[in-house]
Every structure is written in structure tokens, then in C-alpha cells.
Protein backbone atom coordinates (compact mmCIF):
# COMPACT_ATOMS: atom_id res chain seq x y z
CA MET A 1 143.79 -162.17 -66.02
CA ILE A 2 144.84 -160.46 -62.81
CA ALA A 3 143.16 -157.08 -62.21
CA LEU A 4 144.22 -154.56 -59.58
CA LEU A 5 141.14 -153.15 -57.81
CA ILE A 6 141.67 -149.80 -56.06
CA ASP A 7 139.26 -147.77 -53.92
CA PHE A 8 140.73 -144.28 -53.51
CA GLY A 9 138.58 -143.47 -50.48
CA ALA A 10 138.42 -140.44 -48.20
CA SER A 11 139.72 -142.12 -45.05
CA ARG A 12 141.51 -145.12 -46.52
CA ILE A 13 142.90 -146.19 -49.89
CA LYS A 14 142.21 -149.91 -50.27
CA SER A 15 143.27 -152.33 -52.96
CA CYS A 16 143.43 -156.03 -53.78
CA LEU A 17 144.07 -158.30 -56.74
CA TYR A 18 141.26 -160.06 -58.56
CA ASP A 19 142.06 -163.34 -60.26
CA THR A 20 139.37 -163.46 -62.96
CA GLN A 21 140.12 -167.06 -63.97
CA HIS A 22 139.56 -168.46 -60.47
CA ASN A 23 137.17 -165.70 -59.28
CA ARG A 24 139.32 -164.91 -56.22
CA LEU A 25 140.19 -161.70 -54.40
CA LEU A 26 143.75 -161.66 -53.06
CA ASN A 27 146.18 -159.57 -50.99
CA ILE A 28 144.14 -156.70 -49.58
CA TYR A 29 146.25 -153.62 -48.83
CA SER A 30 145.36 -150.31 -47.16
CA THR A 31 146.95 -146.87 -46.66
CA PRO A 32 145.66 -143.48 -45.37
CA GLY A 33 143.32 -141.63 -47.73
CA ALA A 34 142.91 -138.06 -48.96
CA SER A 35 141.39 -136.89 -45.69
CA PHE A 36 144.20 -138.09 -43.42
CA ASN A 37 145.04 -135.73 -40.56
CA ASN A 38 141.86 -133.73 -41.32
CA ILE A 39 143.54 -131.99 -44.26
CA ASP A 40 141.07 -130.38 -46.69
CA ILE A 41 143.56 -129.55 -49.43
CA VAL A 42 146.05 -132.33 -50.16
CA PRO A 43 149.23 -132.04 -52.27
CA LEU A 44 148.73 -134.14 -55.39
CA ARG A 45 152.26 -135.52 -54.97
CA VAL A 46 151.19 -137.13 -51.69
CA LEU A 47 148.18 -138.84 -53.25
CA ASN A 48 150.26 -139.96 -56.23
CA GLU A 49 152.81 -141.49 -53.86
CA SER A 50 149.98 -143.37 -52.15
CA PHE A 51 148.71 -144.58 -55.52
CA ASN A 52 152.17 -145.86 -56.42
CA GLN A 53 152.50 -147.58 -53.03
CA HIS A 54 149.60 -149.80 -54.08
CA ILE A 55 151.13 -150.36 -57.51
CA GLU A 56 154.43 -151.41 -55.94
CA TYR A 57 152.79 -153.61 -53.33
CA HIS A 58 150.86 -155.71 -55.85
CA LYS A 59 153.46 -155.56 -58.66
CA LYS A 60 151.99 -158.01 -61.21
CA PHE A 61 148.60 -157.35 -62.81
CA ASN A 62 147.12 -156.85 -66.28
CA SER A 63 144.64 -154.02 -65.68
CA ILE A 64 143.55 -151.47 -63.08
CA ILE A 65 139.90 -151.02 -62.06
CA ILE A 66 139.46 -147.94 -59.87
CA CYS A 67 136.83 -146.08 -57.87
CA CYS A 68 137.25 -142.83 -55.98
CA GLU A 69 135.77 -140.55 -53.34
CA MET A 70 133.54 -137.99 -55.02
CA HIS A 71 133.22 -134.18 -55.04
CA GLY A 72 136.97 -133.41 -55.19
CA PHE A 73 138.89 -131.70 -58.04
CA ILE A 74 142.18 -130.22 -59.25
CA LEU A 75 142.66 -126.92 -61.12
CA CYS A 76 145.91 -126.64 -63.07
CA GLU A 77 147.17 -123.80 -65.30
CA ASP A 78 149.90 -125.82 -67.03
CA VAL A 79 149.73 -129.63 -67.17
CA LYS A 80 153.55 -129.68 -66.98
CA HIS A 81 153.19 -128.45 -63.41
CA LEU A 82 150.42 -130.88 -62.45
CA PRO A 83 152.62 -132.63 -59.81
CA ASP A 84 152.82 -129.31 -57.94
CA CYS A 85 149.04 -128.86 -57.78
CA SER A 86 146.72 -129.70 -54.92
CA TYR A 87 143.59 -131.81 -54.64
CA ILE A 88 140.63 -129.86 -53.23
CA SER A 89 138.49 -132.36 -51.35
CA TRP A 90 134.81 -132.13 -50.45
CA ARG A 91 135.98 -131.49 -46.89
CA SER A 92 136.88 -127.89 -47.83
CA ASN A 93 133.24 -126.94 -47.27
CA SER A 94 133.50 -123.42 -48.71
CA SER A 95 130.47 -121.27 -48.02
CA ILE A 96 128.09 -121.05 -50.96
CA ASN A 97 128.40 -117.88 -53.02
CA LYS A 98 124.92 -116.30 -53.06
CA ASN A 99 125.06 -115.34 -56.74
CA TYR A 100 126.03 -118.89 -57.68
CA GLU A 101 123.32 -120.28 -55.42
CA ASN A 102 120.69 -118.08 -57.09
CA ILE A 103 121.82 -119.10 -60.60
CA TYR A 104 121.59 -122.77 -59.63
CA LYS A 105 118.23 -122.56 -57.86
CA ASN A 106 116.42 -120.04 -60.08
CA SER A 107 117.13 -122.07 -63.22
CA ASN A 108 116.31 -125.32 -61.40
CA TYR A 109 119.57 -126.98 -62.40
CA ARG A 110 118.94 -129.67 -59.81
CA ASN A 111 116.59 -131.31 -62.35
CA LYS A 112 119.62 -131.71 -64.63
CA THR A 113 122.41 -132.46 -62.16
CA GLY A 114 120.35 -134.52 -59.72
CA ILE A 115 122.22 -132.78 -56.89
CA THR A 116 120.91 -130.53 -54.13
CA LEU A 117 123.31 -127.62 -53.74
CA ARG A 118 125.41 -127.79 -50.56
CA SER A 119 128.83 -126.65 -49.41
CA GLY A 120 131.68 -128.99 -50.30
CA LEU A 121 130.65 -129.50 -53.92
CA PRO A 122 133.11 -128.42 -56.65
CA TYR A 123 130.54 -125.91 -57.96
CA CYS A 124 130.74 -124.19 -54.55
CA ASN A 125 134.47 -124.64 -53.88
CA LEU A 126 135.77 -123.53 -57.29
CA ILE A 127 135.08 -119.83 -56.72
CA ASN A 128 137.50 -119.77 -53.78
CA HIS A 129 140.34 -121.40 -55.71
CA GLU A 130 143.38 -119.23 -56.49
CA LEU A 131 143.08 -120.16 -60.18
CA PHE A 132 139.35 -119.47 -60.41
CA ASP A 133 139.79 -116.38 -62.65
CA LYS A 134 142.61 -117.84 -64.73
CA ASP A 135 142.73 -120.23 -67.67
CA ALA A 136 142.94 -123.65 -66.06
CA HIS A 137 142.30 -127.33 -66.63
CA PHE A 138 139.66 -128.97 -64.44
CA PHE A 139 140.60 -132.54 -63.48
CA THR A 140 139.07 -135.23 -61.31
CA LEU A 141 141.49 -137.11 -59.06
CA ILE A 142 141.51 -140.12 -61.36
CA ASP A 143 142.22 -137.93 -64.42
CA ALA A 144 145.26 -136.51 -62.62
CA LEU A 145 146.57 -139.86 -61.38
CA ILE A 146 146.50 -141.30 -64.88
CA LEU A 147 148.14 -138.17 -66.35
CA LEU A 148 150.94 -138.37 -63.79
CA ASN A 149 151.65 -142.02 -64.47
CA GLY A 150 151.02 -142.63 -68.14
CA GLU A 151 148.64 -141.70 -70.94
CA TRP A 152 145.21 -140.20 -70.26
CA MET A 153 142.51 -140.37 -72.94
CA ASN A 154 141.29 -136.79 -72.19
CA LYS A 155 137.97 -138.02 -70.84
CA SER A 156 136.77 -137.80 -67.24
CA PRO A 157 134.91 -140.59 -65.41
CA ILE A 158 131.17 -139.99 -65.71
CA HIS A 159 130.46 -140.67 -62.01
CA LEU A 160 133.00 -138.08 -60.86
CA ALA A 161 131.87 -135.53 -63.46
CA ALA A 162 128.30 -136.02 -62.21
CA ALA A 163 129.44 -135.34 -58.63
CA THR A 164 130.51 -131.75 -59.42
CA ALA A 165 126.95 -130.28 -59.59
CA MET A 166 127.94 -128.90 -63.03
CA TYR A 167 127.01 -131.94 -65.14
CA ASP A 168 123.74 -132.95 -66.82
CA ILE A 169 123.33 -136.61 -65.86
CA PHE A 170 120.55 -137.15 -68.40
CA LYS A 171 122.32 -135.65 -71.43
CA ASN A 172 125.76 -136.82 -70.21
CA ASP A 173 127.38 -133.44 -70.78
CA TRP A 174 128.72 -130.45 -68.86
CA ILE A 175 126.28 -127.58 -68.27
CA THR A 176 128.14 -124.70 -69.87
CA GLU A 177 126.29 -122.02 -67.88
CA LEU A 178 127.60 -123.55 -64.64
CA CYS A 179 131.17 -124.05 -65.83
CA LYS A 180 133.65 -121.17 -65.66
CA ASP A 181 134.31 -120.04 -69.27
CA ASN A 182 138.10 -120.14 -69.00
CA HIS A 183 138.23 -123.58 -67.38
CA GLN A 184 138.61 -126.58 -69.67
CA HIS A 185 136.22 -129.33 -68.64
CA TYR A 186 136.92 -132.58 -70.45
CA PRO A 187 134.15 -134.75 -71.93
CA SER A 188 133.14 -137.76 -69.88
CA MET A 189 133.85 -141.39 -70.74
CA LYS A 190 130.37 -142.75 -71.41
CA ASP A 191 131.42 -146.28 -72.40
CA PHE A 192 132.76 -148.11 -69.36
CA SER A 193 134.25 -150.84 -71.56
CA GLU A 194 136.85 -148.36 -72.84
CA PRO A 195 139.97 -147.54 -70.80
CA LEU A 196 140.29 -144.10 -69.21
CA GLY A 197 143.97 -144.28 -69.99
CA TYR A 198 147.10 -146.37 -69.48
CA PHE A 199 149.47 -146.71 -66.55
CA ARG A 200 153.06 -146.91 -67.80
CA THR A 201 155.42 -149.18 -65.83
CA ASP A 202 159.18 -148.78 -65.45
CA SER A 203 159.60 -151.36 -68.21
CA CYS A 204 157.37 -149.19 -70.48
CA ARG A 205 154.52 -151.70 -70.33
CA GLU A 206 151.13 -149.97 -70.66
CA ILE A 207 148.39 -151.21 -68.33
CA PRO A 208 144.80 -150.12 -69.10
CA VAL A 209 142.87 -148.25 -66.40
CA PHE A 210 139.10 -148.84 -66.32
CA GLY A 211 136.17 -147.68 -64.23
CA GLY A 212 136.50 -144.32 -62.56
CA LEU A 213 133.45 -145.22 -60.51
CA GLY A 214 132.24 -143.15 -57.60
CA ASP A 215 132.71 -144.95 -54.28
CA LEU A 216 128.94 -144.79 -53.71
CA GLN A 217 128.26 -146.55 -57.03
CA ALA A 218 131.00 -149.12 -56.41
CA SER A 219 129.43 -150.02 -53.08
CA ILE A 220 126.02 -150.43 -54.71
CA PHE A 221 127.53 -152.71 -57.37
CA SER A 222 128.50 -155.10 -54.54
CA LEU A 223 124.80 -155.78 -53.85
CA GLU A 224 121.82 -157.34 -55.58
CA MET A 225 119.62 -154.27 -55.37
CA LYS A 226 115.86 -154.40 -55.91
CA LYS A 227 113.22 -151.67 -55.70
CA ASP A 228 112.14 -152.72 -52.18
CA ILE A 229 115.71 -152.65 -50.81
CA LEU A 230 117.67 -149.79 -49.23
CA ASN A 231 121.46 -149.69 -49.06
CA LEU A 232 122.90 -147.96 -46.01
CA ASN A 233 126.61 -147.39 -46.58
CA LEU A 234 128.63 -146.31 -43.54
CA GLY A 235 132.08 -144.77 -43.89
CA THR A 236 133.60 -141.32 -43.45
CA GLY A 237 130.10 -140.13 -44.25
CA SER A 238 127.07 -142.29 -44.90
CA GLN A 239 124.48 -142.59 -47.65
CA ILE A 240 121.10 -144.26 -48.00
CA SER A 241 120.38 -145.32 -51.57
CA MET A 242 117.76 -147.19 -53.60
CA ILE A 243 116.91 -147.97 -57.20
CA TYR A 244 115.63 -144.82 -58.92
CA GLU A 245 111.95 -144.27 -59.67
CA LYS A 246 110.64 -141.20 -61.53
CA ALA A 247 108.69 -140.02 -58.48
CA ASP A 248 112.01 -139.73 -56.56
CA MET A 249 113.17 -136.61 -58.43
CA ASN A 250 111.78 -134.13 -55.92
CA ASP A 251 112.78 -135.96 -52.76
CA TYR A 252 116.26 -137.38 -53.32
CA ASP A 253 119.53 -136.73 -55.09
CA LEU A 254 120.24 -138.85 -58.16
CA ARG A 255 123.49 -140.48 -59.24
CA PRO A 256 124.17 -142.26 -62.55
CA LEU A 257 125.08 -145.94 -62.52
CA ILE A 258 125.65 -147.53 -65.94
CA GLY A 259 123.75 -146.78 -69.15
CA ASN A 260 120.44 -145.08 -68.39
CA ASN A 261 120.22 -146.45 -64.85
CA TYR A 262 120.28 -144.21 -61.78
CA VAL A 263 120.23 -144.51 -58.03
CA SER A 264 118.19 -142.30 -55.69
CA THR A 265 120.22 -141.32 -52.66
CA ILE A 266 120.43 -139.25 -49.51
CA THR A 267 124.05 -138.25 -49.00
CA HIS A 268 126.21 -136.33 -46.51
CA ILE A 269 124.66 -138.16 -43.54
CA PRO A 270 127.06 -137.81 -40.59
CA CYS A 271 129.00 -140.93 -39.69
CA GLY A 272 132.68 -141.81 -39.16
CA ARG A 273 134.13 -138.33 -39.68
CA VAL A 274 131.96 -136.67 -37.04
CA LEU A 275 132.59 -139.50 -34.56
CA GLN A 276 136.33 -138.99 -35.07
CA MET A 277 135.93 -135.25 -34.42
CA TYR A 278 134.25 -135.99 -31.09
CA ALA A 279 136.90 -138.58 -30.21
CA ASN A 280 139.57 -135.93 -30.83
CA ILE A 281 138.18 -133.89 -27.92
CA PHE A 282 140.12 -136.22 -25.66
CA SER A 283 143.87 -135.74 -25.50
CA SER A 284 144.74 -139.09 -23.92
CA LYS A 285 144.80 -142.33 -25.88
CA LYS A 286 143.08 -144.05 -22.96
CA SER A 287 140.05 -141.75 -23.18
CA GLN A 288 139.91 -142.07 -26.98
CA LEU A 289 139.98 -145.88 -26.69
CA GLU A 290 137.21 -145.73 -24.09
CA PHE A 291 135.18 -143.61 -26.50
CA TRP A 292 135.62 -146.02 -29.41
CA ASP A 293 135.06 -149.11 -27.25
CA SER A 294 131.72 -147.64 -26.23
CA ILE A 295 130.85 -146.93 -29.89
CA PHE A 296 131.80 -150.42 -31.04
CA GLU A 297 130.88 -152.62 -28.08
CA ASP A 298 128.49 -150.95 -25.61
CA ASP A 299 124.88 -151.88 -26.31
CA SER A 300 123.45 -150.48 -23.07
CA GLU A 301 120.33 -148.34 -23.00
CA LYS A 302 121.44 -145.58 -20.62
CA ARG A 303 119.11 -142.66 -20.07
CA LEU A 304 121.04 -139.56 -21.08
CA SER A 305 120.05 -135.99 -20.33
CA ILE A 306 122.39 -134.43 -22.91
CA ASN A 307 122.14 -134.92 -26.67
CA TYR A 308 125.07 -134.04 -28.92
CA PRO A 309 124.39 -133.22 -32.60
CA LEU A 310 125.93 -135.20 -35.45
CA GLY A 311 125.40 -132.50 -38.11
CA ILE A 312 128.34 -130.28 -37.18
CA PHE A 313 129.70 -129.73 -40.71
CA PRO A 314 128.12 -127.31 -43.24
CA GLY A 315 126.24 -129.24 -45.91
CA SER A 316 125.68 -132.30 -43.74
CA TYR A 317 122.28 -133.82 -42.97
CA ASN A 318 120.57 -131.96 -40.10
CA TYR A 319 123.37 -129.39 -39.94
CA ASN A 320 123.32 -127.52 -36.63
CA SER A 321 124.95 -124.12 -37.18
CA ASP A 322 124.48 -123.13 -33.53
CA PHE A 323 126.73 -125.87 -32.16
CA ASP A 324 130.48 -125.45 -31.83
CA ILE A 325 132.32 -128.66 -30.99
CA SER A 326 135.37 -126.68 -29.86
CA SER A 327 133.29 -125.45 -26.89
CA LEU A 328 133.36 -128.94 -25.37
CA SER A 329 135.96 -129.69 -22.72
CA GLU A 330 137.30 -133.16 -22.04
CA ASP A 331 137.33 -132.32 -18.33
CA GLU A 332 133.55 -132.03 -18.32
CA ILE A 333 132.64 -135.03 -20.48
CA ASP A 334 132.88 -138.75 -19.84
CA PRO A 335 134.11 -140.55 -23.02
CA SER A 336 131.70 -143.45 -22.62
CA THR A 337 128.67 -141.23 -21.95
CA LEU A 338 129.50 -139.06 -24.99
CA ALA A 339 129.93 -142.12 -27.20
CA ILE A 340 126.65 -143.72 -26.13
CA SER A 341 124.81 -140.44 -26.76
CA LEU A 342 126.30 -140.15 -30.26
CA LYS A 343 125.61 -143.80 -31.02
CA LYS A 344 121.96 -143.30 -30.10
CA ALA A 345 121.84 -140.19 -32.33
CA LEU A 346 123.38 -142.23 -35.15
CA PHE A 347 120.54 -144.78 -35.09
CA GLN A 348 117.90 -142.09 -34.61
CA GLN A 349 119.00 -140.20 -37.74
CA TYR A 350 118.71 -143.40 -39.80
CA GLN A 351 115.33 -144.14 -38.25
CA GLU A 352 114.15 -140.64 -39.19
CA ILE A 353 115.34 -141.00 -42.80
CA VAL A 354 113.85 -144.47 -43.26
CA GLU A 355 110.48 -143.28 -41.90
CA ARG A 356 110.56 -140.44 -44.44
CA ILE A 357 111.30 -142.88 -47.29
CA LEU A 358 108.48 -145.21 -46.20
CA ARG A 359 105.95 -142.45 -46.88
CA THR A 360 106.40 -142.95 -50.64
CA ARG A 361 108.21 -146.27 -51.05
CA ASP A 362 107.60 -149.88 -49.98
CA ILE A 363 110.85 -151.07 -48.40
CA ASN A 364 111.28 -154.61 -47.08
CA LYS A 365 115.01 -154.85 -46.41
CA ILE A 366 118.02 -152.68 -45.55
CA LEU A 367 121.44 -153.92 -46.70
CA ILE A 368 124.30 -152.44 -44.69
CA THR A 369 127.75 -151.88 -46.17
CA GLY A 370 130.87 -150.06 -45.04
CA SER A 371 133.39 -150.55 -42.27
CA LEU A 372 131.38 -149.11 -39.36
CA GLY A 373 128.54 -151.53 -40.02
CA HIS A 374 130.98 -154.33 -39.22
CA LYS A 375 132.72 -152.64 -36.31
CA ILE A 376 129.65 -151.59 -34.29
CA LYS A 377 128.41 -154.62 -32.37
CA SER A 378 124.96 -155.86 -33.47
CA PHE A 379 124.53 -152.85 -35.78
CA SER A 380 121.99 -154.55 -38.05
CA GLY A 381 120.00 -155.91 -35.09
CA ILE A 382 119.82 -152.52 -33.40
CA LEU A 383 118.87 -150.75 -36.64
CA GLN A 384 116.13 -153.34 -37.19
CA ILE A 385 114.65 -152.44 -33.79
CA TYR A 386 114.73 -148.73 -34.67
CA THR A 387 113.23 -149.11 -38.16
CA GLY A 388 111.06 -152.23 -37.90
CA ILE A 389 112.55 -153.43 -41.20
CA GLU A 390 114.74 -156.48 -41.78
CA CYS A 391 118.40 -155.38 -41.72
CA LYS A 392 121.39 -157.36 -42.91
CA THR A 393 125.09 -156.47 -42.80
CA ALA A 394 127.18 -157.56 -45.79
CA SER A 395 129.48 -160.29 -44.48
CA ASN A 396 132.85 -160.27 -46.18
CA LYS A 397 136.38 -159.40 -45.14
CA PHE A 398 136.76 -157.43 -48.36
CA ASP A 399 135.36 -153.92 -48.47
CA SER A 400 132.06 -153.44 -50.32
CA THR A 401 133.69 -151.06 -52.81
CA LEU A 402 136.30 -153.67 -53.77
CA LEU A 403 133.54 -156.27 -54.16
CA GLY A 404 131.65 -153.77 -56.31
CA LEU A 405 134.72 -153.27 -58.51
CA LYS A 406 135.00 -157.03 -58.86
CA ASN A 407 131.35 -157.28 -59.96
CA PHE A 408 131.87 -154.34 -62.32
CA CYS A 409 134.87 -156.17 -63.83
CA ILE A 410 132.75 -159.28 -64.37
CA ASP A 411 129.85 -157.27 -65.83
CA GLN A 412 132.12 -155.45 -68.30
CA ASN A 413 133.95 -158.70 -69.19
CA PHE A 414 137.40 -157.08 -69.04
CA ASP A 415 139.18 -160.48 -69.11
CA SER A 416 137.87 -161.40 -72.57
């Protein structure tokens, strides 16, 4: 069987074929993701065109296994007009409505959702949607893509439902008090062996679509995780995750994996997106290249008098509300100096988080996944110096999420 693996990521949409008979990954392909050009609200037509680019590129396959960036959604009054709707990404970062915040915190819904309330979550962004007070269908991105291209089974992927902050991850059901009464939230697909729906080709052939994993979970599936191992995943944002233990409930967010298994995680840690924002300060390509060369290649230990914050977006780890990046002028900043300062801050934030984890957990290894872990020279070696823990970067030309989808395919035995 040939399976098409697709990671519908924030910065990039990546895909490849998986030959299950010969256990080979083939023909990796990449296009811009939902967050291209710093757009927070993306026309669904654009994302559907990107999805179909990957379909056309690979052409021949028997099934689709898909994962997706989390915390985005679509509201639609009439499914007939779904192509005209927009995808609201986590980048929207709407301010949290105080009444909604009080409902969430006073009833301690975090113990059901596993999610600490922060801007960017669907629970926070929904209230600012133009259809908030109207009868509307609530869809995840994968729900909508299947609906636009074939037959959807009227069930949302459990990982994406859990990422809304409106879903009980222990009972596997929507929390009605947190869901708007006139919005239709579809039940989640609890059995990963069943298709979410079918993609219909021009020749009317129906191809089953499986998975609907969160990109965080897909990345974790690429690893052999144990209780003494941390996964640091570096992408548009970054996350530090580990196998869930009951004592973790008060200290970390939780995400469902498969069955009754969960992962403890710290999310919204600044990474690629914030570095790109700083790079955009410079108008010339030459200065931007100098910035990125210093991020990727420079391993010098310069003494810097100025520190620039990484937490410049609401809801991000160590958010600094007093800092305004637009106040910086390219005429007053050297690209290399800025990059080295930010790179140091990047390692220091991970050092700080790891030290916090070590207070309650015994950790013996950090496994590094994601594109930046490969691009930054000696990343694992530098992080090992900062943390004092053995660090290893996953070595493979294929993205960790695609490898995770491959392992998921094997685990679910889709080729039988």
C-alpha cells in the first residue's frame, strides 16, 4: 500500500509517500502553511488549494494520513458556503474576555481540558468571530478539508477537538457549558483505526483519510519516549513534552495521545515565529541573511549589554507586555549582534524550563525534533552545556511529524 502522509503545519505544509510494503518514505514535498505572510485569518480556499497541490504532486496513493497545526477553527452558517469561509488560526491572539476567563477558572475547567487558558485558543477567539451569535457549524481544519473534497463522517479529530480548550480529554466529549449553545460541535473520532472521511478523486475513486493528529502528537510518535526523556520540538513555536504522570496535572498542560495515554507539555514557547519577526526589522535581504547566518552558524560567546525578549506575543511563554518590537530601528541595531542575543535567550529559556522540570522529575535525556534543531549549528551540544543533560537531535531528512505519521500508520496497521 502507498499512503500519502501530510503535515498541515503553521509555517509549512509537508508531505511524502510511504510505501508500507518496503517501509520507505518517498518524494517529500513542501509548500507555505497557514501562517504564510503573517496572516492570522486565512481564506479556506487558499488552504484547500494548497491541500490539492499535494494531492496533485503525489498522484497515486491508497490512503491519506494527516496531522495538523492545532488551535485553529472555522465557523460556517451554511455548509454550502464553506469554500467562502475563513480559517481562524491560533495566531489571531484575541484578548481573553474576562467573563469567559472567570467561567473557565472559577469552575476549574483546566482539570478537564488539560489546557491553561491563554489568548489564541478557540475558546478565546470564538467570541470575536462575526458568526459568534449566529447558528453556525464549528469545524477543525481537517473537518473542512475533507468536506470540501469528498465525504466527511461528521466526526472531528480528537487531538484537534482537545486543542480548543472546550473539550474534556478524560471523558472524550465537548464541555457543553463552554460551547456556544447555537454552535454545532461534532463528536470526536475516538477510534483512530476508522477513517475520518473519504477524499474523492476526479475519477470518483474514494480514498480514506485517517489520523487527524495534532502536529505535537505526530512529532512525539516519531520518538521512542520513556518517562526519563524530554522531547523539545522546535518549529514556528516550540514545546517541551514528556510522558504523563498523575503528579503533572498542576504543573503542565496535558494532551491526549491514543487510548488513555497522555503527554505532559509546556507549549507556546517562543521559537521560529519570533525570530522571523525580529529578522523582519531589517529591510535589506543582506541584513536579513546576516541575521539568519548568525542564528544558524555563529557559536561565539560575545558579551552583550542588551537583552531582547522572546515572549513578544500574548499567550507565549514569558510574555513581556511592556516590549514593543516596532520600536526597534534597523539603523540602530546590528543584525549579527541582535541574532546572537536572541540565540542566547533561546537557550536560556530552555535551560530555565528544564531546571523547573527537574524539581519534580528525573530526566536523563532530551530528544530534539523540528527544523530549527537541525539548522542551528551544534544545537544539541550547546543545549547540553546549558542543561547538563544528554541532548540528541533526531537525524533524518524527513520531518519528525512525517516520521510520526509513518509510525502511526504502522501502529494502526492501515495496510492490512
